[in-house]
Amino acid sequence: MIKDNLNVVLSNINAACLRCGRKPSDVTLVGVTKFAEVPAINEAISAGLSHIAENKVQSAQEKFPRLDLKGASITRHLIGHLQTNKVKDALEIFDLIHSVDSFKLALEIQKRAVLRNKVCEILVQVDIAREEQKFGLPEGELDALVAHLSECSYVRTLGLMCMAPLTEDKALIRSVFHRLNDHFKRLQKAWSGSERIAMKHLSMGMSHDYEIAVEEGATMVRVGTAIFK
């Protein structure tokens, strides 16, 4: 069942790429394991899923050590809000943090990364939709935070992330993704050649809107329900 679901999602990503003239290899499927139990995650990994994501540090601490990887190389993503008191643990568990949304959090990541003597790779979460219940950096503060991150020697900023509103209005969803992509391209140009600001990844799109996200330039889509339903 999970293998079939995974194949459907990959097929939809491929179709979306064809519609907009992109290569399917340019899009990474990140399986969100928030509501999945360990056996289901293992099944997905056996079926070829190589990127997994959790919303909370504590959930990853509980699940990830119990995974049966069978030699598979797995990239671990944190996609949920990260509190500063959880940064130490997050840096030990995750390979990429999608949800950096404040100067305070950036400073704590830099501090903890220095102590570990290991560069931490992150994305900046931007609040494009401007919904009160969603986290994310206000658009007006994006340039200042990126400039600050460029001075953090143990933090490497690899791109941007956003969450679209939960709505059936596809035009609204598309406009949110399009706007983040505009920021992404602008920052790519502004920071071309920088080692610490390397705009490679645009993380956007979930189970209900990942095809639109691909059409609007996403390089990473975060899909949970469509895989683990």
Protein backbone atom coordinates (compact mmCIF):
# COMPACT_ATOMS: atom_id res chain seq x y z
CA MET A 1 0.00 0.00 0.00
CA ILE A 2 2.69 2.52 1.01
CA LYS A 3 4.82 1.50 -1.96
CA ASP A 4 1.83 2.11 -4.24
CA ASN A 5 1.16 5.49 -2.60
CA LEU A 6 4.81 6.45 -3.01
CA ASN A 7 4.74 5.53 -6.69
CA VAL A 8 1.59 7.63 -7.22
CA VAL A 9 3.21 10.68 -5.60
CA LEU A 10 6.40 10.24 -7.66
CA SER A 11 4.32 9.84 -10.82
CA ASN A 12 2.43 13.06 -10.00
CA ILE A 13 5.72 14.89 -9.43
CA ASN A 14 7.01 13.65 -12.77
CA ALA A 15 3.83 14.78 -14.52
CA ALA A 16 4.01 18.22 -12.88
CA CYS A 17 7.63 18.55 -14.02
CA LEU A 18 6.67 17.67 -17.59
CA ARG A 19 3.91 20.29 -17.55
CA CYS A 20 6.34 23.06 -16.66
CA GLY A 21 9.46 21.88 -18.48
CA ARG A 22 11.45 20.74 -15.46
CA LYS A 23 13.47 17.60 -14.81
CA PRO A 24 11.96 15.23 -12.21
CA SER A 25 15.47 14.73 -10.82
CA ASP A 26 15.43 18.39 -9.73
CA VAL A 27 12.66 17.69 -7.19
CA THR A 28 13.30 15.84 -3.92
CA LEU A 29 10.41 14.05 -2.24
CA VAL A 30 10.59 14.41 1.54
CA GLY A 31 8.31 11.94 3.33
CA VAL A 32 6.71 13.53 6.39
CA THR A 33 6.47 10.90 9.11
CA LYS A 34 4.56 13.02 11.63
CA PHE A 35 1.57 10.65 11.80
CA ALA A 36 3.37 7.48 10.69
CA GLU A 37 4.43 4.63 12.94
CA VAL A 38 7.88 3.08 12.68
CA PRO A 39 6.78 -0.02 10.67
CA ALA A 40 5.16 2.25 8.06
CA ILE A 41 8.28 4.40 7.83
CA ASN A 42 10.41 1.29 7.39
CA GLU A 43 8.09 0.16 4.61
CA ALA A 44 8.49 3.50 2.83
CA ILE A 45 12.27 3.36 3.18
CA SER A 46 12.29 -0.18 1.77
CA ALA A 47 10.25 1.16 -1.16
CA GLY A 48 12.93 3.73 -1.91
CA LEU A 49 12.11 6.81 0.20
CA SER A 50 15.46 8.39 1.13
CA HIS A 51 14.36 11.65 2.78
CA ILE A 52 12.22 11.68 5.92
CA ALA A 53 10.95 14.58 8.02
CA GLU A 54 9.50 15.17 11.45
CA ASN A 55 7.74 18.20 12.88
CA LYS A 56 9.07 17.83 16.40
CA VAL A 57 12.48 17.01 17.85
CA GLN A 58 10.94 14.72 20.47
CA SER A 59 9.12 12.64 17.85
CA ALA A 60 12.35 12.15 15.91
CA GLN A 61 14.14 11.13 19.09
CA GLU A 62 11.51 8.46 19.65
CA LYS A 63 11.24 7.12 16.09
CA PHE A 64 14.52 7.54 14.25
CA PRO A 65 16.67 5.24 16.44
CA ARG A 66 14.11 2.45 15.88
CA LEU A 67 14.22 2.60 12.09
CA ASP A 68 15.52 -0.43 10.21
CA LEU A 69 17.58 1.26 7.51
CA LYS A 70 19.14 -1.93 6.06
CA GLY A 71 22.13 0.10 4.88
CA ALA A 72 19.98 2.80 3.25
CA SER A 73 21.34 6.34 3.27
CA ILE A 74 18.62 8.52 4.81
CA THR A 75 18.54 12.32 5.02
CA ARG A 76 16.66 13.59 8.07
CA HIS A 77 14.73 16.87 7.92
CA LEU A 78 13.13 19.01 10.62
CA ILE A 79 10.16 20.86 9.14
CA GLY A 80 8.30 22.03 12.24
CA HIS A 81 8.84 25.04 14.49
CA LEU A 82 12.09 24.81 16.43
CA GLN A 83 12.36 26.28 19.91
CA THR A 84 15.76 27.56 20.98
CA ASN A 85 15.88 25.12 23.93
CA LYS A 86 15.64 22.22 21.45
CA VAL A 87 18.44 23.36 19.13
CA LYS A 88 21.15 21.24 20.78
CA ASP A 89 19.13 18.06 20.27
CA ALA A 90 18.01 19.06 16.77
CA LEU A 91 21.59 19.48 15.57
CA GLU A 92 22.40 15.96 16.72
CA ILE A 93 19.44 14.40 14.88
CA PHE A 94 18.71 16.30 11.68
CA ASP A 95 20.69 16.90 8.50
CA LEU A 96 18.62 19.90 7.36
CA ILE A 97 16.45 22.29 9.37
CA HIS A 98 13.73 23.88 7.22
CA SER A 99 12.21 26.17 9.83
CA VAL A 100 14.66 28.90 10.85
CA ASP A 101 12.44 31.95 11.28
CA SER A 102 14.13 34.41 13.63
CA PHE A 103 17.43 36.09 14.48
CA LYS A 104 17.26 34.54 17.97
CA LEU A 105 17.00 31.02 16.57
CA ALA A 106 19.81 31.67 14.07
CA LEU A 107 22.10 32.84 16.87
CA GLU A 108 21.37 29.75 18.96
CA ILE A 109 22.05 27.45 16.01
CA GLN A 110 25.36 29.21 15.36
CA LYS A 111 26.29 28.91 19.05
CA ARG A 112 25.48 25.19 19.23
CA ALA A 113 27.11 24.43 15.88
CA VAL A 114 30.34 26.08 17.05
CA LEU A 115 30.34 23.90 20.18
CA ARG A 116 29.87 20.79 18.00
CA ASN A 117 32.46 22.05 15.51
CA LYS A 118 30.12 21.09 12.69
CA VAL A 119 28.36 23.32 10.16
CA CYS A 120 24.56 23.21 10.36
CA GLU A 121 22.57 23.41 7.12
CA ILE A 122 19.29 25.31 7.22
CA LEU A 123 16.47 26.86 5.23
CA VAL A 124 14.75 30.11 6.17
CA GLN A 125 10.99 29.75 6.71
CA VAL A 126 9.14 32.77 5.33
CA ASP A 127 5.57 33.67 6.27
CA ILE A 128 4.21 34.39 2.81
CA ALA A 129 0.59 33.44 3.60
CA ARG A 130 0.49 35.76 6.65
CA GLU A 131 -1.72 33.44 8.68
CA GLU A 132 -1.69 33.97 12.44
CA GLN A 133 -1.48 30.25 13.19
CA LYS A 134 1.60 29.72 11.04
CA PHE A 135 5.22 30.33 11.94
CA GLY A 136 7.68 32.02 9.64
CA LEU A 137 9.78 35.12 9.21
CA PRO A 138 7.92 38.22 7.97
CA GLU A 139 8.86 38.95 4.36
CA GLY A 140 10.16 42.37 5.29
CA GLU A 141 12.82 40.83 7.54
CA LEU A 142 14.10 38.25 5.04
CA ASP A 143 17.00 40.23 3.60
CA ALA A 144 18.24 41.28 7.03
CA LEU A 145 18.18 37.71 8.36
CA VAL A 146 19.99 36.35 5.30
CA ALA A 147 22.65 39.05 5.69
CA HIS A 148 23.03 38.07 9.34
CA LEU A 149 23.28 34.38 8.43
CA SER A 150 26.04 35.22 5.97
CA GLU A 151 28.15 36.17 8.98
CA CYS A 152 27.45 32.92 10.86
CA SER A 153 30.52 30.79 10.17
CA TYR A 154 28.91 27.53 11.31
CA VAL A 155 25.57 27.94 9.54
CA ARG A 156 25.03 27.32 5.84
CA THR A 157 21.79 28.66 4.41
CA LEU A 158 20.64 26.49 1.52
CA GLY A 159 17.32 28.08 0.62
CA LEU A 160 13.81 29.03 1.65
CA MET A 161 10.69 27.30 2.94
CA CYS A 162 7.04 28.25 3.26
CA MET A 163 3.63 26.79 4.01
CA ALA A 164 0.64 27.61 1.85
CA PRO A 165 -2.77 28.26 3.41
CA LEU A 166 -5.12 25.31 3.84
CA THR A 167 -7.64 26.28 1.19
CA GLU A 168 -9.26 24.96 -1.96
CA ASP A 169 -8.34 28.22 -3.71
CA LYS A 170 -5.59 26.96 -6.02
CA ALA A 171 -4.92 30.44 -7.35
CA LEU A 172 -4.14 31.66 -3.83
CA ILE A 173 -1.87 28.67 -3.16
CA ARG A 174 -0.08 29.25 -6.45
CA SER A 175 0.43 32.93 -5.66
CA VAL A 176 2.08 32.08 -2.32
CA PHE A 177 4.49 29.65 -3.96
CA HIS A 178 5.18 32.04 -6.82
CA ARG A 179 6.02 34.83 -4.39
CA LEU A 180 8.47 32.69 -2.43
CA ASN A 181 10.12 31.64 -5.69
CA ASP A 182 10.54 35.31 -6.58
CA HIS A 183 12.43 35.85 -3.29
CA PHE A 184 14.45 32.68 -3.94
CA LYS A 185 15.58 33.81 -7.39
CA ARG A 186 16.35 37.32 -6.14
CA LEU A 187 18.52 35.98 -3.32
CA GLN A 188 20.23 33.52 -5.66
CA LYS A 189 21.35 36.46 -7.75
CA ALA A 190 22.23 38.69 -4.81
CA TRP A 191 24.36 36.04 -3.08
CA SER A 192 25.86 34.34 -6.11
CA GLY A 193 29.27 32.97 -5.22
CA SER A 194 28.69 33.01 -1.46
CA GLU A 195 29.62 29.83 0.40
CA ARG A 196 27.39 30.50 3.39
CA ILE A 197 24.34 31.61 1.41
CA ALA A 198 23.82 28.98 -1.28
CA MET A 199 20.27 29.21 -2.55
CA LYS A 200 19.79 25.63 -3.76
CA HIS A 201 16.52 24.50 -2.22
CA LEU A 202 12.97 25.80 -2.33
CA SER A 203 10.93 23.75 0.13
CA MET A 204 7.21 24.14 -0.49
CA GLY A 205 4.19 21.97 -1.10
CA MET A 206 2.46 19.32 1.01
CA SER A 207 0.04 16.48 0.28
CA HIS A 208 -2.77 18.73 -0.96
CA ASP A 209 -0.70 21.12 -3.07
CA TYR A 210 2.68 19.58 -3.97
CA GLU A 211 1.92 19.45 -7.69
CA ILE A 212 1.28 23.20 -7.73
CA ALA A 213 4.49 23.69 -5.76
CA VAL A 214 6.48 21.75 -8.35
CA GLU A 215 4.97 23.85 -11.13
CA GLU A 216 6.04 26.97 -9.21
CA GLY A 217 9.65 25.89 -8.74
CA ALA A 218 9.84 23.74 -5.60
CA THR A 219 12.99 21.64 -5.30
CA MET A 220 11.65 19.88 -2.19
CA VAL A 221 8.07 18.83 -1.49
CA ARG A 222 7.02 17.67 1.99
CA VAL A 223 4.43 14.91 1.62
CA GLY A 224 2.98 12.90 4.49
CA THR A 225 -0.68 11.94 4.21
CA ALA A 226 -0.52 11.04 0.51
CA ILE A 227 2.20 8.46 1.33
CA PHE A 228 1.17 7.17 4.74
CA LYS A 229 -2.64 7.28 4.45
